[in-house]
N, C-alpha and C. Protein backbone atom coordinates (compact mmCIF):
# COMPACT_ATOMS: atom_id res chain seq x y z
N MET A 1 -6.13 21.32 2.52
CA MET A 1 -7.28 20.49 2.19
C MET A 1 -7.73 19.72 3.42
N GLY A 2 -8.09 20.45 4.48
CA GLY A 2 -8.65 19.75 5.62
C GLY A 2 -7.83 19.81 6.88
N GLY A 3 -6.78 20.59 6.94
CA GLY A 3 -6.03 20.71 8.19
C GLY A 3 -4.74 19.94 8.18
N PRO A 4 -4.16 19.76 9.38
CA PRO A 4 -2.88 19.08 9.48
C PRO A 4 -2.97 17.62 9.01
N VAL A 5 -1.85 17.14 8.50
CA VAL A 5 -1.77 15.76 8.01
C VAL A 5 -1.02 14.93 9.03
N GLU A 6 -1.60 13.79 9.38
CA GLU A 6 -0.95 12.85 10.31
C GLU A 6 -0.78 11.51 9.60
N ILE A 7 0.35 10.86 9.85
CA ILE A 7 0.57 9.50 9.39
C ILE A 7 0.52 8.63 10.63
N LEU A 8 -0.47 7.76 10.69
CA LEU A 8 -0.71 6.96 11.88
C LEU A 8 -0.36 5.50 11.63
N ARG A 9 0.41 4.93 12.54
CA ARG A 9 0.65 3.49 12.52
C ARG A 9 -0.57 2.82 13.14
N ILE A 10 -1.20 1.95 12.39
CA ILE A 10 -2.46 1.33 12.79
C ILE A 10 -2.18 0.00 13.49
N GLN A 11 -2.89 -0.20 14.59
CA GLN A 11 -2.81 -1.44 15.36
C GLN A 11 -4.17 -2.14 15.30
N ALA A 12 -4.26 -3.31 15.89
CA ALA A 12 -5.49 -4.11 15.84
C ALA A 12 -6.70 -3.35 16.38
N ASP A 13 -6.51 -2.54 17.41
CA ASP A 13 -7.65 -1.80 17.97
C ASP A 13 -8.17 -0.72 17.04
N ASP A 14 -7.43 -0.40 15.99
CA ASP A 14 -7.84 0.61 15.01
C ASP A 14 -8.53 -0.02 13.80
N TRP A 15 -8.99 -1.25 13.97
CA TRP A 15 -9.50 -2.01 12.84
C TRP A 15 -10.65 -1.32 12.11
N GLN A 16 -11.50 -0.57 12.82
CA GLN A 16 -12.65 0.07 12.15
C GLN A 16 -12.19 1.17 11.19
N ALA A 17 -11.21 1.96 11.59
CA ALA A 17 -10.69 3.02 10.71
C ALA A 17 -10.02 2.38 9.49
N TRP A 18 -9.23 1.33 9.72
CA TRP A 18 -8.59 0.64 8.59
C TRP A 18 -9.65 0.04 7.67
N ARG A 19 -10.64 -0.63 8.23
CA ARG A 19 -11.70 -1.27 7.45
C ARG A 19 -12.40 -0.25 6.56
N GLU A 20 -12.80 0.88 7.14
CA GLU A 20 -13.53 1.89 6.37
C GLU A 20 -12.70 2.38 5.19
N THR A 21 -11.45 2.67 5.41
CA THR A 21 -10.60 3.20 4.34
C THR A 21 -10.26 2.11 3.32
N ARG A 22 -9.99 0.92 3.80
CA ARG A 22 -9.68 -0.19 2.89
C ARG A 22 -10.87 -0.49 1.97
N LEU A 23 -12.08 -0.52 2.53
CA LEU A 23 -13.25 -0.79 1.71
C LEU A 23 -13.49 0.34 0.69
N ARG A 24 -13.24 1.58 1.10
CA ARG A 24 -13.34 2.70 0.14
C ARG A 24 -12.36 2.51 -1.00
N SER A 25 -11.13 2.09 -0.65
CA SER A 25 -10.11 1.92 -1.68
C SER A 25 -10.50 0.82 -2.67
N LEU A 26 -11.02 -0.28 -2.15
CA LEU A 26 -11.41 -1.39 -3.01
C LEU A 26 -12.59 -1.02 -3.91
N ALA A 27 -13.50 -0.20 -3.41
CA ALA A 27 -14.65 0.23 -4.21
C ALA A 27 -14.23 1.24 -5.28
N GLU A 28 -13.32 2.16 -4.92
CA GLU A 28 -12.92 3.22 -5.84
C GLU A 28 -11.92 2.75 -6.89
N SER A 29 -11.03 1.84 -6.53
CA SER A 29 -9.95 1.40 -7.44
C SER A 29 -9.88 -0.12 -7.49
N PRO A 30 -10.91 -0.80 -7.97
CA PRO A 30 -10.93 -2.26 -7.90
C PRO A 30 -9.80 -2.97 -8.64
N ASP A 31 -9.24 -2.35 -9.66
CA ASP A 31 -8.18 -3.00 -10.42
C ASP A 31 -6.78 -2.74 -9.86
N ALA A 32 -6.71 -2.05 -8.73
CA ALA A 32 -5.42 -1.77 -8.12
C ALA A 32 -5.01 -2.86 -7.12
N PHE A 33 -5.91 -3.78 -6.81
CA PHE A 33 -5.67 -4.71 -5.71
C PHE A 33 -5.96 -6.15 -6.11
N GLY A 34 -5.26 -7.06 -5.47
CA GLY A 34 -5.50 -8.47 -5.68
C GLY A 34 -6.77 -8.94 -5.01
N SER A 35 -7.21 -8.23 -3.99
CA SER A 35 -8.45 -8.57 -3.29
C SER A 35 -9.60 -7.77 -3.88
N THR A 36 -10.81 -8.02 -3.38
CA THR A 36 -11.99 -7.32 -3.88
C THR A 36 -12.84 -6.80 -2.72
N TYR A 37 -13.66 -5.82 -3.05
CA TYR A 37 -14.62 -5.28 -2.08
C TYR A 37 -15.55 -6.39 -1.58
N ASP A 38 -16.08 -7.20 -2.49
CA ASP A 38 -17.01 -8.26 -2.09
C ASP A 38 -16.37 -9.25 -1.12
N ARG A 39 -15.10 -9.53 -1.30
CA ARG A 39 -14.40 -10.44 -0.39
C ARG A 39 -14.23 -9.81 0.99
N GLU A 40 -13.76 -8.56 1.02
CA GLU A 40 -13.39 -7.97 2.30
C GLU A 40 -14.58 -7.40 3.07
N ILE A 41 -15.68 -7.07 2.43
CA ILE A 41 -16.85 -6.59 3.15
C ILE A 41 -17.39 -7.68 4.08
N ALA A 42 -17.08 -8.93 3.75
CA ALA A 42 -17.54 -10.05 4.56
C ALA A 42 -16.64 -10.35 5.76
N PHE A 43 -15.49 -9.69 5.85
CA PHE A 43 -14.58 -9.94 6.98
C PHE A 43 -15.23 -9.55 8.30
N THR A 44 -14.96 -10.34 9.31
CA THR A 44 -15.43 -10.05 10.66
C THR A 44 -14.42 -9.17 11.38
N GLU A 45 -14.80 -8.67 12.54
CA GLU A 45 -13.84 -7.90 13.35
C GLU A 45 -12.59 -8.73 13.62
N ALA A 46 -12.76 -10.01 13.92
CA ALA A 46 -11.60 -10.88 14.18
C ALA A 46 -10.70 -10.96 12.95
N ASP A 47 -11.29 -11.03 11.75
CA ASP A 47 -10.50 -11.07 10.52
C ASP A 47 -9.67 -9.80 10.39
N TRP A 48 -10.31 -8.64 10.59
CA TRP A 48 -9.58 -7.36 10.46
C TRP A 48 -8.46 -7.28 11.48
N ARG A 49 -8.74 -7.64 12.72
CA ARG A 49 -7.71 -7.57 13.76
C ARG A 49 -6.54 -8.50 13.42
N HIS A 50 -6.85 -9.69 12.95
CA HIS A 50 -5.80 -10.66 12.59
C HIS A 50 -4.92 -10.11 11.47
N ARG A 51 -5.54 -9.52 10.47
CA ARG A 51 -4.79 -8.98 9.34
C ARG A 51 -3.90 -7.80 9.77
N LEU A 52 -4.40 -6.98 10.67
CA LEU A 52 -3.63 -5.83 11.13
C LEU A 52 -2.42 -6.25 11.96
N ALA A 53 -2.44 -7.43 12.51
CA ALA A 53 -1.33 -7.91 13.33
C ALA A 53 -0.19 -8.48 12.50
N LYS A 54 -0.35 -8.57 11.18
CA LYS A 54 0.64 -9.24 10.33
C LYS A 54 1.78 -8.38 9.85
N GLY A 55 1.77 -7.11 10.12
CA GLY A 55 2.84 -6.24 9.66
C GLY A 55 2.44 -4.79 9.80
N PRO A 56 3.29 -3.88 9.34
CA PRO A 56 3.00 -2.46 9.52
C PRO A 56 1.86 -2.00 8.62
N ARG A 57 0.95 -1.20 9.19
CA ARG A 57 -0.16 -0.62 8.44
C ARG A 57 -0.22 0.86 8.81
N PHE A 58 -0.46 1.71 7.81
CA PHE A 58 -0.47 3.15 8.04
C PHE A 58 -1.66 3.80 7.38
N LEU A 59 -2.21 4.80 8.04
CA LEU A 59 -3.25 5.66 7.48
C LEU A 59 -2.73 7.08 7.47
N VAL A 60 -3.11 7.82 6.44
CA VAL A 60 -2.89 9.26 6.42
C VAL A 60 -4.23 9.89 6.76
N VAL A 61 -4.22 10.74 7.79
CA VAL A 61 -5.45 11.37 8.26
C VAL A 61 -5.30 12.87 8.16
N THR A 62 -6.33 13.52 7.62
CA THR A 62 -6.37 14.98 7.57
C THR A 62 -7.81 15.40 7.79
N GLY A 63 -8.00 16.43 8.57
CA GLY A 63 -9.34 16.90 8.85
C GLY A 63 -10.21 15.86 9.53
N GLY A 64 -9.59 14.97 10.29
CA GLY A 64 -10.33 13.93 10.98
C GLY A 64 -10.77 12.77 10.12
N ARG A 65 -10.32 12.72 8.87
CA ARG A 65 -10.72 11.65 7.95
C ARG A 65 -9.48 10.99 7.35
N SER A 66 -9.52 9.67 7.26
CA SER A 66 -8.41 8.97 6.62
C SER A 66 -8.55 9.12 5.11
N VAL A 67 -7.43 9.50 4.47
CA VAL A 67 -7.44 9.79 3.04
C VAL A 67 -6.46 8.93 2.25
N ALA A 68 -5.67 8.13 2.94
CA ALA A 68 -4.72 7.25 2.26
C ALA A 68 -4.36 6.11 3.20
N LEU A 69 -3.96 4.99 2.61
CA LEU A 69 -3.53 3.86 3.42
C LEU A 69 -2.52 3.03 2.65
N GLY A 70 -1.86 2.19 3.38
CA GLY A 70 -0.93 1.23 2.82
C GLY A 70 -0.28 0.46 3.93
N GLY A 71 0.31 -0.65 3.56
CA GLY A 71 0.95 -1.47 4.58
C GLY A 71 1.93 -2.43 3.97
N GLY A 72 2.40 -3.31 4.81
CA GLY A 72 3.32 -4.34 4.37
C GLY A 72 3.08 -5.60 5.18
N PHE A 73 3.47 -6.71 4.59
CA PHE A 73 3.45 -7.96 5.35
C PHE A 73 4.68 -8.76 5.00
N PRO A 74 5.26 -9.38 6.03
CA PRO A 74 6.44 -10.22 5.77
C PRO A 74 6.06 -11.37 4.85
N LEU A 75 6.82 -11.49 3.78
CA LEU A 75 6.63 -12.56 2.81
C LEU A 75 8.03 -12.93 2.34
N PRO A 76 8.53 -14.07 2.80
CA PRO A 76 9.91 -14.40 2.46
C PRO A 76 10.18 -14.21 0.98
N PRO A 77 11.25 -13.53 0.64
CA PRO A 77 12.39 -13.21 1.50
C PRO A 77 12.33 -11.84 2.17
N GLY A 78 11.22 -11.09 2.03
CA GLY A 78 11.25 -9.73 2.54
C GLY A 78 9.91 -9.23 3.01
N LEU A 79 9.67 -7.96 2.72
CA LEU A 79 8.44 -7.29 3.10
C LEU A 79 7.71 -6.88 1.83
N MET A 80 6.46 -7.32 1.70
CA MET A 80 5.64 -6.99 0.54
C MET A 80 4.77 -5.79 0.87
N VAL A 81 4.95 -4.70 0.13
CA VAL A 81 4.10 -3.52 0.26
C VAL A 81 2.77 -3.86 -0.39
N PHE A 82 1.67 -3.47 0.24
CA PHE A 82 0.37 -3.76 -0.35
C PHE A 82 -0.63 -2.65 -0.01
N GLY A 83 -1.69 -2.62 -0.77
CA GLY A 83 -2.84 -1.78 -0.46
C GLY A 83 -2.62 -0.29 -0.54
N LEU A 84 -1.58 0.14 -1.21
CA LEU A 84 -1.29 1.58 -1.29
C LEU A 84 -2.40 2.26 -2.09
N TRP A 85 -3.07 3.25 -1.46
CA TRP A 85 -4.18 3.95 -2.11
C TRP A 85 -4.33 5.32 -1.48
N THR A 86 -4.72 6.29 -2.31
CA THR A 86 -5.03 7.64 -1.85
C THR A 86 -6.38 8.04 -2.43
N ASP A 87 -7.21 8.62 -1.60
CA ASP A 87 -8.50 9.15 -2.03
C ASP A 87 -8.25 10.10 -3.21
N PRO A 88 -9.04 9.99 -4.30
CA PRO A 88 -8.80 10.83 -5.47
C PRO A 88 -8.73 12.33 -5.17
N ALA A 89 -9.49 12.81 -4.20
CA ALA A 89 -9.48 14.24 -3.87
C ALA A 89 -8.20 14.67 -3.16
N HIS A 90 -7.36 13.71 -2.77
CA HIS A 90 -6.15 14.01 -2.01
C HIS A 90 -4.89 13.52 -2.72
N ARG A 91 -5.00 13.18 -3.99
CA ARG A 91 -3.83 12.70 -4.74
C ARG A 91 -2.90 13.85 -5.10
N ARG A 92 -1.66 13.49 -5.35
CA ARG A 92 -0.59 14.43 -5.73
C ARG A 92 -0.19 15.37 -4.60
N LEU A 93 -0.42 14.90 -3.37
CA LEU A 93 -0.03 15.67 -2.19
C LEU A 93 1.09 14.98 -1.40
N GLY A 94 1.59 13.85 -1.92
CA GLY A 94 2.69 13.14 -1.27
C GLY A 94 2.28 12.11 -0.25
N HIS A 95 0.98 11.82 -0.12
CA HIS A 95 0.54 10.86 0.90
C HIS A 95 1.08 9.45 0.63
N SER A 96 1.05 9.02 -0.62
CA SER A 96 1.57 7.67 -0.93
C SER A 96 3.06 7.58 -0.65
N LEU A 97 3.78 8.66 -0.93
CA LEU A 97 5.21 8.67 -0.63
C LEU A 97 5.46 8.58 0.87
N SER A 98 4.64 9.25 1.65
CA SER A 98 4.78 9.17 3.11
C SER A 98 4.54 7.75 3.60
N ILE A 99 3.55 7.10 3.03
CA ILE A 99 3.29 5.71 3.41
C ILE A 99 4.42 4.81 2.96
N LEU A 100 4.91 4.99 1.73
CA LEU A 100 6.05 4.19 1.27
C LEU A 100 7.26 4.39 2.17
N ASP A 101 7.51 5.64 2.57
CA ASP A 101 8.62 5.90 3.50
C ASP A 101 8.43 5.10 4.79
N ALA A 102 7.22 5.10 5.33
CA ALA A 102 6.96 4.42 6.59
C ALA A 102 7.09 2.90 6.45
N VAL A 103 6.50 2.35 5.39
CA VAL A 103 6.54 0.89 5.20
C VAL A 103 7.96 0.44 4.86
N ALA A 104 8.59 1.11 3.90
CA ALA A 104 9.96 0.73 3.52
C ALA A 104 10.91 0.91 4.70
N GLY A 105 10.72 1.97 5.47
CA GLY A 105 11.55 2.18 6.65
C GLY A 105 11.41 1.05 7.65
N TRP A 106 10.18 0.59 7.85
CA TRP A 106 9.93 -0.54 8.76
C TRP A 106 10.69 -1.77 8.27
N GLY A 107 10.63 -2.03 6.97
CA GLY A 107 11.33 -3.19 6.41
C GLY A 107 12.83 -3.05 6.50
N ARG A 108 13.34 -1.88 6.18
CA ARG A 108 14.79 -1.67 6.21
C ARG A 108 15.35 -1.75 7.63
N GLU A 109 14.58 -1.30 8.62
CA GLU A 109 15.02 -1.42 10.01
C GLU A 109 15.21 -2.88 10.40
N ARG A 110 14.53 -3.78 9.70
CA ARG A 110 14.61 -5.21 9.98
C ARG A 110 15.45 -5.94 8.93
N ASN A 111 16.14 -5.18 8.10
CA ASN A 111 16.99 -5.72 7.03
C ASN A 111 16.21 -6.63 6.08
N LEU A 112 14.97 -6.26 5.80
CA LEU A 112 14.15 -7.03 4.88
C LEU A 112 14.14 -6.35 3.50
N PRO A 113 14.32 -7.12 2.44
CA PRO A 113 14.13 -6.55 1.12
C PRO A 113 12.67 -6.10 0.97
N VAL A 114 12.45 -5.00 0.30
CA VAL A 114 11.10 -4.44 0.14
C VAL A 114 10.65 -4.64 -1.30
N GLU A 115 9.45 -5.20 -1.47
CA GLU A 115 8.89 -5.50 -2.79
C GLU A 115 7.45 -5.02 -2.86
N LEU A 116 6.95 -4.92 -4.07
CA LEU A 116 5.53 -4.64 -4.30
C LEU A 116 5.15 -5.14 -5.67
N HIS A 117 3.85 -5.22 -5.91
CA HIS A 117 3.33 -5.55 -7.23
C HIS A 117 2.64 -4.32 -7.79
N VAL A 118 2.76 -4.13 -9.11
CA VAL A 118 2.07 -3.03 -9.79
C VAL A 118 1.32 -3.58 -10.99
N ASN A 119 0.11 -3.09 -11.18
CA ASN A 119 -0.71 -3.49 -12.32
C ASN A 119 -0.12 -2.87 -13.58
N LEU A 120 0.11 -3.69 -14.60
CA LEU A 120 0.66 -3.18 -15.86
C LEU A 120 -0.28 -2.17 -16.51
N ALA A 121 -1.56 -2.21 -16.15
CA ALA A 121 -2.53 -1.28 -16.71
C ALA A 121 -2.51 0.08 -15.99
N ASN A 122 -1.59 0.25 -15.03
CA ASN A 122 -1.50 1.51 -14.29
C ASN A 122 -0.10 2.10 -14.41
N PRO A 123 0.22 2.68 -15.58
CA PRO A 123 1.57 3.20 -15.78
C PRO A 123 1.91 4.36 -14.85
N GLY A 124 0.90 5.10 -14.37
CA GLY A 124 1.17 6.19 -13.43
C GLY A 124 1.73 5.67 -12.11
N ALA A 125 1.15 4.60 -11.61
CA ALA A 125 1.64 4.01 -10.36
C ALA A 125 3.06 3.46 -10.57
N ARG A 126 3.27 2.79 -11.69
CA ARG A 126 4.60 2.25 -11.97
C ARG A 126 5.64 3.36 -12.02
N ALA A 127 5.32 4.45 -12.69
CA ALA A 127 6.26 5.57 -12.79
C ALA A 127 6.57 6.14 -11.41
N ALA A 128 5.55 6.24 -10.56
CA ALA A 128 5.78 6.74 -9.20
C ALA A 128 6.69 5.80 -8.41
N TYR A 129 6.47 4.50 -8.55
CA TYR A 129 7.32 3.53 -7.84
C TYR A 129 8.75 3.59 -8.38
N GLU A 130 8.90 3.75 -9.67
CA GLU A 130 10.25 3.85 -10.25
C GLU A 130 10.95 5.12 -9.75
N ARG A 131 10.24 6.23 -9.67
CA ARG A 131 10.83 7.46 -9.13
C ARG A 131 11.28 7.26 -7.69
N TYR A 132 10.54 6.47 -6.96
CA TYR A 132 10.88 6.18 -5.57
C TYR A 132 12.15 5.32 -5.49
N GLY A 133 12.39 4.51 -6.54
CA GLY A 133 13.57 3.66 -6.57
C GLY A 133 13.29 2.20 -6.86
N PHE A 134 12.02 1.81 -6.92
CA PHE A 134 11.68 0.41 -7.22
C PHE A 134 12.09 0.08 -8.65
N VAL A 135 12.47 -1.17 -8.85
CA VAL A 135 12.92 -1.66 -10.14
C VAL A 135 12.08 -2.88 -10.52
N GLY A 136 11.58 -2.89 -11.75
CA GLY A 136 10.80 -4.03 -12.23
C GLY A 136 11.66 -5.27 -12.37
N THR A 137 11.06 -6.42 -12.09
CA THR A 137 11.79 -7.69 -12.19
C THR A 137 11.44 -8.47 -13.45
N GLY A 138 10.35 -8.10 -14.11
CA GLY A 138 9.87 -8.87 -15.25
C GLY A 138 9.03 -10.07 -14.85
N GLU A 139 8.90 -10.30 -13.53
CA GLU A 139 8.09 -11.41 -13.03
C GLU A 139 6.63 -10.99 -13.02
N LEU A 140 5.83 -11.66 -13.87
CA LEU A 140 4.41 -11.31 -14.03
C LEU A 140 3.52 -12.41 -13.50
N GLU A 141 2.33 -12.00 -13.06
CA GLU A 141 1.29 -12.95 -12.67
C GLU A 141 -0.06 -12.24 -12.80
N PRO A 142 -1.15 -13.00 -12.81
CA PRO A 142 -2.47 -12.36 -12.91
C PRO A 142 -2.75 -11.50 -11.67
N LEU A 143 -3.52 -10.43 -11.87
CA LEU A 143 -3.93 -9.58 -10.76
C LEU A 143 -4.60 -10.40 -9.67
N ARG A 144 -5.48 -11.28 -10.06
CA ARG A 144 -6.15 -12.22 -9.15
C ARG A 144 -6.58 -13.41 -9.99
N PRO A 145 -6.93 -14.53 -9.40
CA PRO A 145 -7.36 -15.69 -10.20
C PRO A 145 -8.49 -15.32 -11.17
N GLY A 146 -8.31 -15.71 -12.42
CA GLY A 146 -9.30 -15.46 -13.45
C GLY A 146 -9.20 -14.10 -14.13
N SER A 147 -8.29 -13.25 -13.67
CA SER A 147 -8.15 -11.91 -14.25
C SER A 147 -7.24 -11.94 -15.47
N ASP A 148 -7.57 -11.12 -16.47
CA ASP A 148 -6.72 -10.95 -17.64
C ASP A 148 -5.62 -9.93 -17.37
N GLN A 149 -5.78 -9.12 -16.33
CA GLN A 149 -4.80 -8.10 -16.01
C GLN A 149 -3.58 -8.74 -15.35
N GLN A 150 -2.41 -8.15 -15.63
CA GLN A 150 -1.16 -8.67 -15.11
C GLN A 150 -0.54 -7.68 -14.13
N ILE A 151 0.14 -8.23 -13.13
CA ILE A 151 0.92 -7.42 -12.20
C ILE A 151 2.37 -7.85 -12.30
N GLU A 152 3.26 -6.88 -12.07
CA GLU A 152 4.69 -7.17 -12.11
C GLU A 152 5.28 -6.94 -10.72
N LEU A 153 6.16 -7.83 -10.32
CA LEU A 153 6.89 -7.67 -9.06
C LEU A 153 7.98 -6.62 -9.25
N MET A 154 8.05 -5.67 -8.31
CA MET A 154 9.10 -4.65 -8.31
C MET A 154 9.83 -4.75 -6.98
N ARG A 155 11.14 -4.47 -7.00
CA ARG A 155 11.95 -4.51 -5.78
C ARG A 155 12.62 -3.17 -5.55
N LEU A 156 12.78 -2.84 -4.29
CA LEU A 156 13.49 -1.63 -3.89
C LEU A 156 14.92 -2.03 -3.54
N PRO A 157 15.90 -1.64 -4.36
CA PRO A 157 17.29 -2.00 -4.03
C PRO A 157 17.68 -1.46 -2.66
N ALA A 158 18.53 -2.21 -1.98
CA ALA A 158 18.94 -1.82 -0.63
C ALA A 158 19.56 -0.43 -0.59
N ASP A 159 20.21 -0.02 -1.69
CA ASP A 159 20.86 1.29 -1.70
C ASP A 159 19.98 2.40 -2.29
N ALA A 160 18.72 2.08 -2.62
CA ALA A 160 17.83 3.11 -3.17
C ALA A 160 17.51 4.12 -2.07
N PRO A 161 17.57 5.40 -2.40
CA PRO A 161 17.37 6.41 -1.36
C PRO A 161 15.92 6.60 -0.95
N GLY A 162 14.94 6.03 -1.69
CA GLY A 162 13.54 6.27 -1.35
C GLY A 162 13.14 7.67 -1.75
N ARG A 163 12.18 8.22 -1.04
CA ARG A 163 11.62 9.53 -1.41
C ARG A 163 12.69 10.60 -1.45
N ARG A 164 13.61 10.56 -0.56
CA ARG A 164 14.61 11.61 -0.50
C ARG A 164 15.37 11.71 -1.84
N GLY A 165 15.37 10.61 -2.60
CA GLY A 165 16.08 10.64 -3.87
C GLY A 165 15.17 10.92 -5.05
N SER A 166 13.87 11.08 -4.80
CA SER A 166 12.95 11.33 -5.91
C SER A 166 12.63 12.81 -6.01
N THR A 167 12.02 13.17 -7.11
CA THR A 167 11.67 14.57 -7.31
C THR A 167 10.18 14.73 -7.46
């Protein structure tokens, strides 16, 4: 579906590629994220560069186009995975797993516990995270201020094998 697949670690100078894919993700899947398209479309170049400097960010690129993204940011006590998204035309090809491997690997190299939030209204995402090894904590909060949707905190146990242990 478009040639070789590359997983790229994104730096501040790659802000335009990250911005384009992030805005696509927010427009296509607005209930998957705590942020919104309207909020992030207003970010300046300096905002994007600053955000990219806060932790590992990855894009999956195929055929010269980014088709998936995700990242992490240090949030005591560990690393919070965020923004995991795959273009609908490229789903079920393992791109999200590749990003999870990269982000979780970055956290584990630094001995950081790895966590993420999942929307309770998205059982498919939750099932994928559970297959990867994440475990629900029962800790719930609103998706964003004023939202009726709830997200649950999930943690990746230190001994979870990650993708290599999933099917």
